[in-house]
Amino acid sequence: MFEHYLQDLPLIAILRGVTPEEIEPIGDALFETGFRVMEIPLNSPRPLESIRRLSARLGDRALIGAGTVLDPAQVSEVGEAGGRLIVSPHGDTRVIEATVKAGMVSSPGVATPTEGFAALNAGAHGLKLFPAEQLGPQVVKAWRAVFPAQTLLMPVGGVTPDNMQAFVDAGANGFGLGSSLYKAGRSVEEVRANAERFAAAWRSLG
């Protein structure tokens, strides 16, 4: 399921700080630009309400879920709100296993091969390489040499339209985009413009 939503544009929108009142127009702008995976971090205002509204609006046309999920109990809460994606800043195998058991998509944050392989063994559907600023393309290249070929490696943190090529050349499958795409208070027009820049950058990669 994860690969299906990443097929045409493998960019994940991280909407930290978004409010329920603005989630639908921002979600619409992202969807119209080609984004099919969106996460609302749980340290956003009333995140479960935003997940509920966006999931109801886009249905199965997009994969909607939560970021900054820190414990298994939160997995259930996200699922009850209609979310189908669980993203964490860490590789807690309890969270991964709860996500898989619930039939949801798991993309935990990992920063070492040990964490990465443990996450895959727990059932993770893709690995969030976090923080990408610290790891860099050279680490992605080294990981690509040892992880199974089908493993989704998605750098997150400090990704811009200008540095995507180096990560892709090293073996990245896509990216998670945070404050360079959206941050609290940014208008729908600004978010759309940023989304268009990232989408154009991805499609221009050699």
Protein backbone atom coordinates (compact mmCIF):
# COMPACT_ATOMS: atom_id res chain seq x y z
CA MET A 1 0.00 0.00 0.00
CA PHE A 2 2.82 2.42 0.85
CA GLU A 3 4.46 2.00 -2.54
CA HIS A 4 1.14 2.60 -4.31
CA TYR A 5 0.78 6.08 -2.83
CA LEU A 6 4.44 6.93 -3.45
CA GLN A 7 4.50 5.69 -7.03
CA ASP A 8 3.97 8.95 -8.92
CA LEU A 9 5.41 11.43 -6.42
CA PRO A 10 7.36 9.84 -3.53
CA LEU A 11 7.22 12.92 -1.30
CA ILE A 12 5.57 12.88 2.13
CA ALA A 13 4.08 16.14 3.42
CA ILE A 14 4.78 16.66 7.13
CA LEU A 15 2.26 19.20 8.38
CA ARG A 16 3.59 20.01 11.84
CA GLY A 17 1.54 22.73 13.50
CA VAL A 18 -1.43 22.57 11.14
CA THR A 19 -4.86 23.19 12.68
CA PRO A 20 -8.15 21.42 11.95
CA GLU A 21 -9.54 24.69 10.58
CA GLU A 22 -6.91 24.86 7.82
CA ILE A 23 -6.18 21.21 7.13
CA GLU A 24 -8.74 20.74 4.35
CA PRO A 25 -7.65 23.61 2.05
CA ILE A 26 -3.99 22.79 2.65
CA GLY A 27 -4.66 19.11 2.00
CA ASP A 28 -6.50 20.01 -1.20
CA ALA A 29 -3.57 22.14 -2.40
CA LEU A 30 -1.11 19.33 -1.74
CA PHE A 31 -3.33 16.73 -3.39
CA GLU A 32 -3.80 18.89 -6.47
CA THR A 33 -0.01 19.24 -6.71
CA GLY A 34 0.42 15.47 -6.70
CA PHE A 35 1.08 14.65 -3.05
CA ARG A 36 -0.59 11.42 -1.98
CA VAL A 37 0.96 10.90 1.48
CA MET A 38 0.41 13.39 4.31
CA GLU A 39 1.19 13.16 8.00
CA ILE A 40 -0.02 15.34 10.84
CA PRO A 41 2.44 15.17 13.76
CA LEU A 42 0.75 14.51 17.07
CA ASN A 43 2.35 17.59 18.63
CA SER A 44 0.19 19.75 16.34
CA PRO A 45 -2.98 21.46 17.64
CA ARG A 46 -5.83 18.90 17.91
CA PRO A 47 -4.06 16.50 15.54
CA LEU A 48 -6.64 13.73 15.67
CA GLU A 49 -9.34 16.12 14.50
CA SER A 50 -7.14 17.17 11.57
CA ILE A 51 -6.53 13.53 10.69
CA ARG A 52 -10.26 12.84 10.92
CA ARG A 53 -11.16 15.74 8.64
CA LEU A 54 -8.47 15.09 6.03
CA SER A 55 -9.10 11.34 5.95
CA ALA A 56 -12.81 11.93 5.43
CA ARG A 57 -12.13 14.46 2.68
CA LEU A 58 -9.61 12.47 0.63
CA GLY A 59 -10.66 8.92 1.48
CA ASP A 60 -8.50 6.24 -0.08
CA ARG A 61 -7.22 8.65 -2.74
CA ALA A 62 -4.42 9.55 -0.31
CA LEU A 63 -2.60 7.95 2.61
CA ILE A 64 -3.23 10.09 5.69
CA GLY A 65 -1.80 9.52 9.14
CA ALA A 66 0.21 10.79 12.05
CA GLY A 67 3.80 11.70 12.75
CA THR A 68 5.66 11.89 16.08
CA VAL A 69 3.86 8.76 17.28
CA LEU A 70 5.68 7.72 20.44
CA ASP A 71 3.74 4.82 21.96
CA PRO A 72 1.39 2.00 20.91
CA ALA A 73 -1.67 3.61 22.49
CA GLN A 74 -1.39 6.50 20.06
CA VAL A 75 -1.50 4.06 17.14
CA SER A 76 -5.02 3.06 18.15
CA GLU A 77 -6.11 6.67 18.52
CA VAL A 78 -4.86 7.53 15.04
CA GLY A 79 -6.63 4.51 13.58
CA GLU A 80 -9.90 5.49 15.26
CA ALA A 81 -9.56 8.94 13.64
CA GLY A 82 -9.25 7.35 10.20
CA GLY A 83 -5.47 7.51 9.85
CA ARG A 84 -3.65 4.70 8.06
CA LEU A 85 -0.02 5.82 8.39
CA ILE A 86 2.16 5.87 11.50
CA VAL A 87 5.47 7.76 11.44
CA SER A 88 7.81 8.06 14.41
CA PRO A 89 11.05 9.94 15.08
CA HIS A 90 12.46 6.71 16.53
CA GLY A 91 12.46 3.00 15.84
CA ASP A 92 10.35 1.74 18.77
CA THR A 93 9.49 -1.84 17.79
CA ARG A 94 6.39 -1.76 20.03
CA VAL A 95 4.96 1.06 17.92
CA ILE A 96 5.89 -0.72 14.69
CA GLU A 97 4.32 -3.99 15.78
CA ALA A 98 1.13 -2.25 16.95
CA THR A 99 0.92 -0.47 13.60
CA VAL A 100 1.32 -3.64 11.59
CA LYS A 101 -1.17 -5.49 13.78
CA ALA A 102 -3.71 -2.72 13.11
CA GLY A 103 -3.22 -3.08 9.35
CA MET A 104 -1.65 0.36 9.04
CA VAL A 105 1.54 1.56 7.30
CA SER A 106 4.65 1.89 9.49
CA SER A 107 7.52 4.26 8.67
CA PRO A 108 9.72 4.65 11.76
CA GLY A 109 12.67 6.96 12.13
CA VAL A 110 16.07 5.28 12.21
CA ALA A 111 19.64 6.58 12.25
CA THR A 112 21.76 3.41 12.31
CA PRO A 113 21.74 0.10 10.42
CA THR A 114 21.03 -1.69 13.70
CA GLU A 115 17.86 0.36 14.17
CA GLY A 116 16.94 -0.07 10.52
CA PHE A 117 17.17 -3.85 10.49
CA ALA A 118 15.33 -4.08 13.82
CA ALA A 119 12.53 -1.94 12.37
CA LEU A 120 12.26 -4.11 9.25
CA ASN A 121 12.20 -7.27 11.38
CA ALA A 122 9.31 -5.75 13.36
CA GLY A 123 7.38 -5.22 10.13
CA ALA A 124 8.16 -1.63 9.06
CA HIS A 125 7.06 -0.82 5.51
CA GLY A 126 9.68 1.86 4.96
CA LEU A 127 12.52 3.55 6.84
CA LYS A 128 12.58 7.25 7.66
CA LEU A 129 16.26 8.25 7.72
CA PHE A 130 16.26 10.92 10.39
CA PRO A 131 17.77 13.42 10.64
CA ALA A 132 18.94 13.54 7.04
CA GLU A 133 21.17 16.55 7.75
CA GLN A 134 23.23 14.38 10.08
CA LEU A 135 23.26 11.26 7.92
CA GLY A 136 23.86 12.72 4.44
CA PRO A 137 23.94 11.01 1.05
CA GLN A 138 27.09 9.05 1.93
CA VAL A 139 25.20 7.18 4.64
CA VAL A 140 22.30 6.45 2.29
CA LYS A 141 24.78 4.99 -0.18
CA ALA A 142 26.31 2.76 2.49
CA TRP A 143 22.90 1.59 3.69
CA ARG A 144 21.75 0.85 0.16
CA ALA A 145 24.64 -1.59 -0.18
CA VAL A 146 23.51 -3.73 2.76
CA PHE A 147 19.73 -3.38 3.10
CA PRO A 148 17.38 -5.52 0.97
CA ALA A 149 16.93 -3.95 -2.46
CA GLN A 150 13.21 -3.43 -1.95
CA THR A 151 13.69 -1.42 1.27
CA LEU A 152 12.22 2.08 1.06
CA LEU A 153 14.80 4.60 2.30
CA MET A 154 13.23 8.02 2.85
CA PRO A 155 15.48 10.83 4.19
CA VAL A 156 13.72 13.40 6.36
CA GLY A 157 15.13 16.64 7.74
CA GLY A 158 16.68 19.51 5.84
CA VAL A 159 15.59 18.26 2.43
CA THR A 160 15.34 20.99 -0.22
CA PRO A 161 14.74 20.96 -3.99
CA ASP A 162 18.46 21.60 -4.41
CA ASN A 163 19.83 18.64 -2.42
CA MET A 164 17.42 15.92 -3.51
CA GLN A 165 19.57 14.79 -6.45
CA ALA A 166 22.53 13.80 -4.25
CA PHE A 167 20.31 11.68 -2.02
CA VAL A 168 18.60 10.00 -4.98
CA ASP A 169 21.96 9.27 -6.60
CA ALA A 170 22.94 7.58 -3.32
CA GLY A 171 19.83 5.39 -3.36
CA ALA A 172 17.01 7.30 -1.64
CA ASN A 173 13.51 6.35 -2.78
CA GLY A 174 11.81 9.59 -1.79
CA PHE A 175 11.63 12.17 0.99
CA GLY A 176 9.67 13.51 3.91
CA LEU A 177 9.24 17.28 3.73
CA GLY A 178 8.68 19.41 6.81
CA SER A 179 9.24 23.13 7.37
CA SER A 180 10.55 23.68 3.84
CA LEU A 181 7.06 22.72 2.65
CA TYR A 182 4.77 23.78 5.50
CA LYS A 183 5.06 25.45 8.86
CA ALA A 184 2.47 26.94 11.17
CA GLY A 185 0.94 30.13 9.85
CA ARG A 186 1.93 29.61 6.23
CA SER A 187 -0.86 30.37 3.77
CA VAL A 188 -2.44 27.88 1.40
CA GLU A 189 -0.90 29.78 -1.52
CA GLU A 190 2.58 29.53 -0.01
CA VAL A 191 2.16 25.82 0.66
CA ARG A 192 0.96 25.24 -2.88
CA ALA A 193 3.93 27.15 -4.31
CA ASN A 194 6.38 25.16 -2.18
CA ALA A 195 4.68 21.89 -3.15
CA GLU A 196 4.92 22.79 -6.82
CA ARG A 197 8.64 23.53 -6.45
CA PHE A 198 9.31 20.19 -4.79
CA ALA A 199 7.19 18.27 -7.30
CA ALA A 200 8.98 19.96 -10.20
CA ALA A 201 12.37 19.26 -8.63
CA TRP A 202 11.54 15.58 -8.20
CA ARG A 203 10.32 15.22 -11.77
CA SER A 204 13.45 16.91 -13.10
CA LEU A 205 15.86 14.53 -11.35
CA GLY A 206 18.21 12.74 -13.67
